């Protein structure tokens, strides 16, 4: 069983992602967030600020993978806390995902990448939850599947 810590603010999209991941019997999820959110009962929920180094370090104990969901504006500062906690716990893999598409802050992205590289951690820096899902090698179940109520022969559609 793979133990995964998801740390960061939980918006509606990331909450859906957590619910989908929680349906995978091969994963044990812990969510570390400053947000008051409702999560599935199978998910361990810890409410704390991501920049709280002591709390984040405690949450990282015995986790196989840490996924940090960080807005670009807080990227460099949060990565510093993340690195300290990961090094203290010996975390084997860190995935940092930007939770927005702000490109006006290239310094934050460069600084975060530089800090991660010099920390000598096994890390990935990605944009969005699709990149996280790929790196975790899990595919969350889709939330809805479209199935047409009626099928028509192609000849009828083309006429």
N, C-alpha and C. Protein backbone atom coordinates (compact mmCIF):
# COMPACT_ATOMS: atom_id res chain seq x y z
N UNK A 1 0.85 -1.18 0.00
CA UNK A 1 0.00 0.00 0.00
C UNK A 1 0.89 1.24 0.00
N UNK A 2 0.57 2.18 -0.88
CA UNK A 2 1.33 3.41 -1.01
C UNK A 2 0.72 4.47 -0.10
N UNK A 3 1.54 5.06 0.78
CA UNK A 3 1.07 6.11 1.70
C UNK A 3 1.41 7.47 1.10
N UNK A 4 0.37 8.29 0.91
CA UNK A 4 0.53 9.58 0.24
C UNK A 4 0.00 10.70 1.13
N UNK A 5 0.81 11.73 1.28
CA UNK A 5 0.39 12.95 1.98
C UNK A 5 0.14 14.02 0.93
N UNK A 6 -1.05 14.60 0.94
CA UNK A 6 -1.36 15.76 0.10
C UNK A 6 -1.40 16.97 1.01
N UNK A 7 -0.52 17.93 0.76
CA UNK A 7 -0.42 19.11 1.62
C UNK A 7 -0.73 20.36 0.82
N UNK A 8 -1.58 21.21 1.37
CA UNK A 8 -1.91 22.47 0.72
C UNK A 8 -3.39 22.77 0.81
N UNK A 9 -3.76 23.92 0.29
CA UNK A 9 -5.16 24.33 0.31
C UNK A 9 -5.98 23.41 -0.59
N UNK A 10 -7.17 23.09 -0.15
CA UNK A 10 -8.05 22.19 -0.89
C UNK A 10 -9.22 22.97 -1.49
N UNK A 11 -9.13 23.25 -2.78
CA UNK A 11 -10.27 23.85 -3.46
C UNK A 11 -11.19 22.73 -3.94
N UNK A 12 -12.25 23.06 -4.63
CA UNK A 12 -13.22 22.05 -5.07
C UNK A 12 -12.58 21.00 -5.97
N UNK A 13 -11.68 21.43 -6.86
CA UNK A 13 -11.03 20.49 -7.78
C UNK A 13 -10.14 19.52 -7.02
N UNK A 14 -9.34 20.01 -6.09
CA UNK A 14 -8.46 19.11 -5.34
C UNK A 14 -9.25 18.21 -4.40
N UNK A 15 -10.38 18.68 -3.88
CA UNK A 15 -11.23 17.81 -3.06
C UNK A 15 -11.80 16.66 -3.88
N UNK A 16 -12.20 16.96 -5.11
CA UNK A 16 -12.68 15.91 -6.01
C UNK A 16 -11.57 14.91 -6.30
N UNK A 17 -10.36 15.42 -6.52
CA UNK A 17 -9.19 14.58 -6.76
C UNK A 17 -8.96 13.64 -5.57
N UNK A 18 -9.03 14.18 -4.36
CA UNK A 18 -8.84 13.37 -3.14
C UNK A 18 -9.93 12.30 -3.05
N UNK A 19 -11.17 12.67 -3.32
CA UNK A 19 -12.26 11.68 -3.28
C UNK A 19 -12.02 10.56 -4.29
N UNK A 20 -11.56 10.92 -5.47
CA UNK A 20 -11.28 9.90 -6.49
C UNK A 20 -10.13 9.00 -6.07
N UNK A 21 -9.06 9.59 -5.54
CA UNK A 21 -7.92 8.79 -5.08
C UNK A 21 -8.31 7.88 -3.92
N UNK A 22 -9.21 8.34 -3.07
CA UNK A 22 -9.60 7.56 -1.90
C UNK A 22 -10.31 6.26 -2.29
N UNK A 23 -10.78 6.17 -3.52
CA UNK A 23 -11.45 4.96 -3.99
C UNK A 23 -10.46 3.88 -4.40
N UNK A 24 -9.17 4.22 -4.46
CA UNK A 24 -8.13 3.27 -4.83
C UNK A 24 -7.67 2.53 -3.57
N UNK A 25 -7.90 1.23 -3.52
CA UNK A 25 -7.56 0.42 -2.34
C UNK A 25 -6.05 0.30 -2.11
N UNK A 26 -5.25 0.68 -3.09
CA UNK A 26 -3.80 0.58 -2.97
C UNK A 26 -3.18 1.84 -2.37
N UNK A 27 -4.01 2.83 -2.04
CA UNK A 27 -3.51 4.09 -1.50
C UNK A 27 -4.05 4.34 -0.10
N UNK A 28 -3.18 4.88 0.73
CA UNK A 28 -3.58 5.36 2.06
C UNK A 28 -3.30 6.86 2.05
N UNK A 29 -4.35 7.67 2.12
CA UNK A 29 -4.23 9.11 1.97
C UNK A 29 -4.31 9.86 3.29
N UNK A 30 -3.44 10.87 3.39
CA UNK A 30 -3.51 11.85 4.47
C UNK A 30 -3.54 13.21 3.81
N UNK A 31 -4.42 14.08 4.26
CA UNK A 31 -4.51 15.44 3.74
C UNK A 31 -4.14 16.40 4.85
N UNK A 32 -3.18 17.28 4.55
CA UNK A 32 -2.69 18.29 5.49
C UNK A 32 -3.03 19.64 4.88
N UNK A 33 -4.04 20.30 5.42
CA UNK A 33 -4.55 21.52 4.79
C UNK A 33 -4.99 22.56 5.81
N UNK A 34 -4.83 23.84 5.47
CA UNK A 34 -5.37 24.88 6.35
C UNK A 34 -6.88 25.06 6.13
N UNK A 35 -7.40 24.44 5.10
CA UNK A 35 -8.81 24.59 4.74
C UNK A 35 -9.69 23.64 5.56
N UNK A 36 -10.85 24.11 5.96
CA UNK A 36 -11.83 23.25 6.61
C UNK A 36 -12.62 22.58 5.49
N UNK A 37 -12.36 21.31 5.26
CA UNK A 37 -13.00 20.60 4.16
C UNK A 37 -13.59 19.28 4.65
N UNK A 38 -14.53 18.77 3.90
CA UNK A 38 -15.12 17.47 4.19
C UNK A 38 -14.47 16.46 3.26
N UNK A 39 -13.89 15.43 3.83
CA UNK A 39 -13.19 14.42 3.06
C UNK A 39 -13.78 13.05 3.35
N UNK A 40 -13.53 12.08 2.48
CA UNK A 40 -14.01 10.72 2.75
C UNK A 40 -13.46 10.19 4.07
N UNK A 41 -14.20 9.30 4.70
CA UNK A 41 -13.80 8.76 6.00
C UNK A 41 -12.50 7.98 5.93
N UNK A 42 -12.14 7.47 4.78
CA UNK A 42 -10.91 6.69 4.65
C UNK A 42 -9.66 7.57 4.58
N UNK A 43 -9.86 8.89 4.52
CA UNK A 43 -8.74 9.84 4.42
C UNK A 43 -8.47 10.44 5.78
N UNK A 44 -7.21 10.41 6.20
CA UNK A 44 -6.82 11.06 7.44
C UNK A 44 -6.70 12.56 7.16
N UNK A 45 -7.39 13.38 7.92
CA UNK A 45 -7.39 14.82 7.70
C UNK A 45 -6.69 15.53 8.85
N UNK A 46 -5.72 16.38 8.49
CA UNK A 46 -5.01 17.21 9.46
C UNK A 46 -5.17 18.66 9.04
N UNK A 47 -5.67 19.50 9.93
CA UNK A 47 -5.88 20.91 9.60
C UNK A 47 -4.76 21.73 10.22
N UNK A 48 -3.91 22.26 9.36
CA UNK A 48 -2.75 23.03 9.81
C UNK A 48 -2.24 23.84 8.64
N UNK A 49 -1.51 24.90 8.92
CA UNK A 49 -0.90 25.73 7.87
C UNK A 49 0.26 24.99 7.23
N UNK A 50 0.36 25.08 5.92
CA UNK A 50 1.43 24.39 5.20
C UNK A 50 2.81 24.95 5.57
N UNK A 51 2.87 26.20 5.96
CA UNK A 51 4.16 26.79 6.34
C UNK A 51 4.57 26.45 7.78
N UNK A 52 3.75 25.71 8.51
CA UNK A 52 4.09 25.28 9.86
C UNK A 52 5.06 24.10 9.75
N UNK A 53 6.34 24.39 9.90
CA UNK A 53 7.38 23.39 9.70
C UNK A 53 7.23 22.17 10.62
N UNK A 54 6.93 22.39 11.87
CA UNK A 54 6.77 21.28 12.82
C UNK A 54 5.59 20.40 12.47
N UNK A 55 4.47 21.02 12.17
CA UNK A 55 3.28 20.26 11.81
C UNK A 55 3.46 19.49 10.51
N UNK A 56 4.08 20.13 9.52
CA UNK A 56 4.30 19.47 8.24
C UNK A 56 5.28 18.31 8.40
N UNK A 57 6.30 18.51 9.21
CA UNK A 57 7.27 17.43 9.46
C UNK A 57 6.57 16.24 10.10
N UNK A 58 5.74 16.49 11.10
CA UNK A 58 5.00 15.41 11.77
C UNK A 58 4.07 14.70 10.78
N UNK A 59 3.43 15.46 9.91
CA UNK A 59 2.52 14.86 8.93
C UNK A 59 3.27 14.00 7.91
N UNK A 60 4.52 14.33 7.63
CA UNK A 60 5.30 13.59 6.64
C UNK A 60 5.86 12.26 7.16
N UNK A 61 5.83 12.07 8.46
CA UNK A 61 6.37 10.84 9.01
C UNK A 61 5.69 9.62 8.39
N UNK A 62 6.50 8.66 7.97
CA UNK A 62 6.02 7.38 7.42
C UNK A 62 5.22 7.51 6.12
N UNK A 63 5.40 8.59 5.40
CA UNK A 63 4.73 8.75 4.10
C UNK A 63 5.69 8.33 2.99
N UNK A 64 5.18 7.66 1.98
CA UNK A 64 6.01 7.26 0.84
C UNK A 64 6.20 8.41 -0.15
N UNK A 65 5.14 9.17 -0.35
CA UNK A 65 5.17 10.29 -1.29
C UNK A 65 4.47 11.48 -0.66
N UNK A 66 5.04 12.66 -0.86
CA UNK A 66 4.41 13.89 -0.42
C UNK A 66 4.07 14.71 -1.65
N UNK A 67 2.82 15.11 -1.75
CA UNK A 67 2.35 15.96 -2.84
C UNK A 67 1.97 17.31 -2.24
N UNK A 68 2.66 18.36 -2.67
CA UNK A 68 2.37 19.71 -2.19
C UNK A 68 1.62 20.48 -3.26
N UNK A 69 0.44 20.97 -2.91
CA UNK A 69 -0.39 21.76 -3.81
C UNK A 69 -0.24 23.22 -3.41
N UNK A 70 0.47 24.00 -4.25
CA UNK A 70 0.90 25.33 -3.83
C UNK A 70 0.56 26.37 -4.89
N UNK A 71 -0.06 27.49 -4.50
CA UNK A 71 -0.24 28.58 -5.45
C UNK A 71 1.12 29.22 -5.77
N UNK A 72 1.29 29.68 -6.97
CA UNK A 72 2.57 30.22 -7.42
C UNK A 72 3.11 31.31 -6.51
N UNK A 73 2.25 32.17 -6.02
CA UNK A 73 2.71 33.29 -5.20
C UNK A 73 3.37 32.83 -3.90
N UNK A 74 3.06 31.63 -3.43
CA UNK A 74 3.64 31.09 -2.18
C UNK A 74 4.66 29.99 -2.45
N UNK A 75 5.01 29.79 -3.70
CA UNK A 75 5.81 28.64 -4.09
C UNK A 75 7.18 28.59 -3.41
N UNK A 76 7.96 29.65 -3.50
CA UNK A 76 9.33 29.64 -2.96
C UNK A 76 9.34 29.44 -1.44
N UNK A 77 8.49 30.17 -0.72
CA UNK A 77 8.47 30.03 0.74
C UNK A 77 8.00 28.65 1.18
N UNK A 78 6.97 28.13 0.54
CA UNK A 78 6.45 26.83 0.92
C UNK A 78 7.44 25.72 0.59
N UNK A 79 8.14 25.85 -0.54
CA UNK A 79 9.13 24.85 -0.92
C UNK A 79 10.24 24.79 0.12
N UNK A 80 10.63 25.92 0.68
CA UNK A 80 11.67 25.94 1.71
C UNK A 80 11.22 25.12 2.93
N UNK A 81 9.98 25.32 3.37
CA UNK A 81 9.43 24.55 4.50
C UNK A 81 9.32 23.08 4.13
N UNK A 82 8.88 22.81 2.93
CA UNK A 82 8.74 21.44 2.44
C UNK A 82 10.08 20.71 2.43
N UNK A 83 11.11 21.36 1.97
CA UNK A 83 12.45 20.76 1.92
C UNK A 83 12.94 20.41 3.32
N UNK A 84 12.79 21.36 4.24
CA UNK A 84 13.24 21.12 5.62
C UNK A 84 12.52 19.92 6.22
N UNK A 85 11.21 19.86 6.04
CA UNK A 85 10.43 18.74 6.58
C UNK A 85 10.79 17.42 5.90
N UNK A 86 10.97 17.45 4.59
CA UNK A 86 11.32 16.23 3.85
C UNK A 86 12.69 15.70 4.28
N UNK A 87 13.64 16.59 4.46
CA UNK A 87 14.96 16.15 4.89
C UNK A 87 14.94 15.62 6.32
N UNK A 88 14.12 16.21 7.16
CA UNK A 88 14.03 15.75 8.55
C UNK A 88 13.39 14.37 8.65
N UNK A 89 12.49 14.05 7.75
CA UNK A 89 11.77 12.78 7.82
C UNK A 89 12.33 11.72 6.87
N UNK A 90 13.23 12.12 5.98
CA UNK A 90 13.76 11.17 5.01
C UNK A 90 12.75 10.79 3.96
N UNK A 91 11.83 11.68 3.66
CA UNK A 91 10.80 11.43 2.65
C UNK A 91 11.46 11.09 1.32
N UNK A 92 11.01 10.00 0.69
CA UNK A 92 11.68 9.51 -0.51
C UNK A 92 11.28 10.23 -1.78
N UNK A 93 10.07 10.77 -1.87
CA UNK A 93 9.64 11.44 -3.09
C UNK A 93 8.74 12.62 -2.76
N UNK A 94 9.01 13.75 -3.43
CA UNK A 94 8.22 14.96 -3.26
C UNK A 94 7.72 15.41 -4.63
N UNK A 95 6.44 15.66 -4.72
CA UNK A 95 5.85 16.21 -5.94
C UNK A 95 5.27 17.56 -5.57
N UNK A 96 5.72 18.60 -6.26
CA UNK A 96 5.21 19.95 -6.03
C UNK A 96 4.37 20.32 -7.24
N UNK A 97 3.13 20.68 -7.00
CA UNK A 97 2.23 21.06 -8.08
C UNK A 97 1.72 22.47 -7.86
N UNK A 98 1.91 23.29 -8.88
CA UNK A 98 1.33 24.64 -8.81
C UNK A 98 -0.17 24.50 -9.01
N UNK A 99 -0.95 25.21 -8.20
CA UNK A 99 -2.40 25.10 -8.25
C UNK A 99 -3.05 26.18 -9.10
N UNK A 100 -2.25 26.96 -9.79
CA UNK A 100 -2.80 27.99 -10.66
C UNK A 100 -1.94 28.06 -11.92
N UNK A 101 -2.31 28.93 -12.81
CA UNK A 101 -1.54 29.06 -14.05
C UNK A 101 -0.93 30.46 -14.19
N UNK A 102 -0.57 31.05 -13.08
CA UNK A 102 0.03 32.38 -13.10
C UNK A 102 1.43 32.30 -13.68
N UNK A 103 1.66 32.99 -14.77
CA UNK A 103 2.98 32.98 -15.40
C UNK A 103 3.73 34.30 -15.15
N UNK A 104 3.07 35.23 -14.48
CA UNK A 104 3.68 36.53 -14.22
C UNK A 104 4.68 36.50 -13.07
N UNK A 105 4.88 35.34 -12.46
CA UNK A 105 5.81 35.21 -11.33
C UNK A 105 6.90 34.18 -11.64
N UNK A 106 7.65 34.37 -12.73
CA UNK A 106 8.66 33.37 -13.08
C UNK A 106 9.75 33.24 -12.03
N UNK A 107 10.01 34.31 -11.26
CA UNK A 107 11.01 34.25 -10.20
C UNK A 107 10.65 33.24 -9.13
N UNK A 108 9.37 33.17 -8.77
CA UNK A 108 8.91 32.19 -7.77
C UNK A 108 9.18 30.77 -8.26
N UNK A 109 8.87 30.52 -9.53
CA UNK A 109 9.05 29.18 -10.09
C UNK A 109 10.53 28.83 -10.17
N UNK A 110 11.34 29.75 -10.67
CA UNK A 110 12.79 29.52 -10.76
C UNK A 110 13.40 29.28 -9.39
N UNK A 111 13.00 30.12 -8.42
CA UNK A 111 13.56 30.00 -7.08
C UNK A 111 13.16 28.67 -6.44
N UNK A 112 11.90 28.27 -6.60
CA UNK A 112 11.46 26.99 -6.05
C UNK A 112 12.22 25.83 -6.68
N UNK A 113 12.37 25.85 -8.01
CA UNK A 113 13.10 24.78 -8.70
C UNK A 113 14.57 24.74 -8.23
N UNK A 114 15.19 25.90 -8.09
CA UNK A 114 16.59 25.96 -7.64
C UNK A 114 16.72 25.39 -6.23
N UNK A 115 15.80 25.76 -5.34
CA UNK A 115 15.86 25.26 -3.96
C UNK A 115 15.68 23.74 -3.92
N UNK A 116 14.76 23.23 -4.72
CA UNK A 116 14.54 21.78 -4.76
C UNK A 116 15.76 21.06 -5.31
N UNK A 117 16.39 21.62 -6.34
CA UNK A 117 17.56 20.98 -6.94
C UNK A 117 18.75 20.96 -5.99
N UNK A 118 18.96 22.03 -5.26
CA UNK A 118 20.09 22.08 -4.35
C UNK A 118 19.85 21.28 -3.07
N UNK A 119 18.60 20.91 -2.81
CA UNK A 119 18.28 20.11 -1.62
C UNK A 119 18.56 18.63 -1.85
N UNK A 120 18.82 18.25 -3.09
CA UNK A 120 19.12 16.86 -3.44
C UNK A 120 17.99 15.91 -3.04
N UNK A 121 16.76 16.35 -3.29
CA UNK A 121 15.58 15.51 -3.05
C UNK A 121 15.15 14.87 -4.37
N UNK A 122 14.48 13.74 -4.28
CA UNK A 122 13.82 13.15 -5.43
C UNK A 122 12.52 13.94 -5.58
N UNK A 123 12.48 14.86 -6.55
CA UNK A 123 11.32 15.75 -6.68
C UNK A 123 10.86 15.89 -8.12
N UNK A 124 9.62 16.32 -8.25
CA UNK A 124 9.05 16.72 -9.53
C UNK A 124 8.28 18.00 -9.28
N UNK A 125 8.39 18.94 -10.20
CA UNK A 125 7.64 20.20 -10.14
C UNK A 125 6.73 20.22 -11.35
N UNK A 126 5.42 20.15 -11.10
CA UNK A 126 4.45 20.04 -12.18
C UNK A 126 3.37 21.12 -12.04
N UNK A 127 2.60 21.26 -13.10
CA UNK A 127 1.46 22.18 -13.08
C UNK A 127 0.18 21.37 -13.09
N UNK A 128 -0.61 21.50 -12.05
CA UNK A 128 -1.93 20.88 -12.03
C UNK A 128 -1.98 19.44 -11.56
N UNK A 129 -3.19 18.97 -11.36
CA UNK A 129 -3.43 17.64 -10.81
C UNK A 129 -3.23 16.53 -11.83
N UNK A 130 -3.33 16.84 -13.12
CA UNK A 130 -3.08 15.79 -14.13
C UNK A 130 -1.64 15.32 -14.05
N UNK A 131 -0.71 16.25 -13.85
CA UNK A 131 0.70 15.87 -13.70
C UNK A 131 0.92 15.05 -12.44
N UNK A 132 0.23 15.41 -11.36
CA UNK A 132 0.34 14.65 -10.11
C UNK A 132 -0.17 13.23 -10.32
N UNK A 133 -1.31 13.11 -10.95
CA UNK A 133 -1.90 11.80 -11.20
C UNK A 133 -0.96 10.92 -12.01
N UNK A 134 -0.34 11.49 -13.02
CA UNK A 134 0.60 10.74 -13.85
C UNK A 134 1.80 10.27 -13.03
N UNK A 135 2.35 11.16 -12.22
CA UNK A 135 3.52 10.80 -11.42
C UNK A 135 3.20 9.78 -10.33
N UNK A 136 1.99 9.81 -9.82
CA UNK A 136 1.59 8.83 -8.81
C UNK A 136 1.29 7.48 -9.45
N UNK A 137 1.22 7.46 -10.76
CA UNK A 137 0.90 6.25 -11.53
C UNK A 137 -0.45 5.68 -11.12
N UNK A 138 -1.39 6.58 -10.86
CA UNK A 138 -2.76 6.19 -10.56
C UNK A 138 -3.68 7.01 -11.45
N UNK A 139 -4.75 6.44 -11.81
CA UNK A 139 -5.75 7.15 -12.58
C UNK A 139 -7.02 7.22 -11.76
N UNK A 140 -7.35 8.40 -11.24
CA UNK A 140 -8.59 8.50 -10.49
C UNK A 140 -9.78 8.13 -11.36
N UNK A 141 -10.78 7.55 -10.75
CA UNK A 141 -11.99 7.20 -11.49
C UNK A 141 -12.65 8.48 -11.97
N UNK A 142 -13.18 8.48 -13.19
CA UNK A 142 -13.87 9.68 -13.66
C UNK A 142 -15.10 9.95 -12.82
N UNK A 143 -15.44 11.22 -12.68
CA UNK A 143 -16.59 11.58 -11.85
C UNK A 143 -17.90 11.31 -12.56
N UNK A 144 -17.89 11.34 -13.88
CA UNK A 144 -19.11 11.05 -14.63
C UNK A 144 -18.71 10.48 -15.98
N UNK A 145 -19.51 9.57 -16.44
CA UNK A 145 -19.27 8.98 -17.75
C UNK A 145 -20.48 9.28 -18.61
N UNK A 146 -20.24 9.83 -19.80
CA UNK A 146 -21.33 10.14 -20.71
C UNK A 146 -21.69 8.89 -21.49
N UNK A 147 -22.93 8.52 -21.39
CA UNK A 147 -23.44 7.39 -22.18
C UNK A 147 -24.71 7.87 -22.87
N UNK A 148 -24.70 7.90 -24.21
CA UNK A 148 -25.90 8.36 -24.90
C UNK A 148 -27.07 7.42 -24.64
N UNK A 149 -28.24 8.01 -24.54
CA UNK A 149 -29.44 7.21 -24.28
C UNK A 149 -29.87 6.44 -25.52
N UNK A 150 -29.60 6.99 -26.68
CA UNK A 150 -30.03 6.36 -27.92
C UNK A 150 -28.86 6.34 -28.89
N UNK A 151 -28.72 5.26 -29.63
CA UNK A 151 -27.69 5.23 -30.65
C UNK A 151 -28.36 5.27 -32.02
N UNK A 152 -27.72 5.95 -32.95
CA UNK A 152 -28.24 6.10 -34.29
C UNK A 152 -27.25 5.53 -35.29
N UNK A 153 -27.71 4.90 -36.35
CA UNK A 153 -26.81 4.46 -37.41
C UNK A 153 -26.10 5.65 -38.01
N UNK A 154 -24.85 5.48 -38.41
CA UNK A 154 -24.06 6.57 -38.96
C UNK A 154 -24.73 7.22 -40.16
N UNK A 155 -25.46 6.43 -40.95
CA UNK A 155 -26.14 6.98 -42.12
C UNK A 155 -27.18 8.01 -41.72
N UNK A 156 -27.85 7.75 -40.61
CA UNK A 156 -28.89 8.69 -40.13
C UNK A 156 -28.26 9.97 -39.61
N UNK A 157 -27.12 9.84 -38.97
CA UNK A 157 -26.43 11.02 -38.44
C UNK A 157 -25.92 11.89 -39.58
N UNK A 158 -25.40 11.29 -40.62
CA UNK A 158 -24.78 12.02 -41.72
C UNK A 158 -25.80 12.64 -42.66
N UNK A 159 -27.06 12.24 -42.61
CA UNK A 159 -28.05 12.78 -43.55
C UNK A 159 -28.70 14.05 -43.06
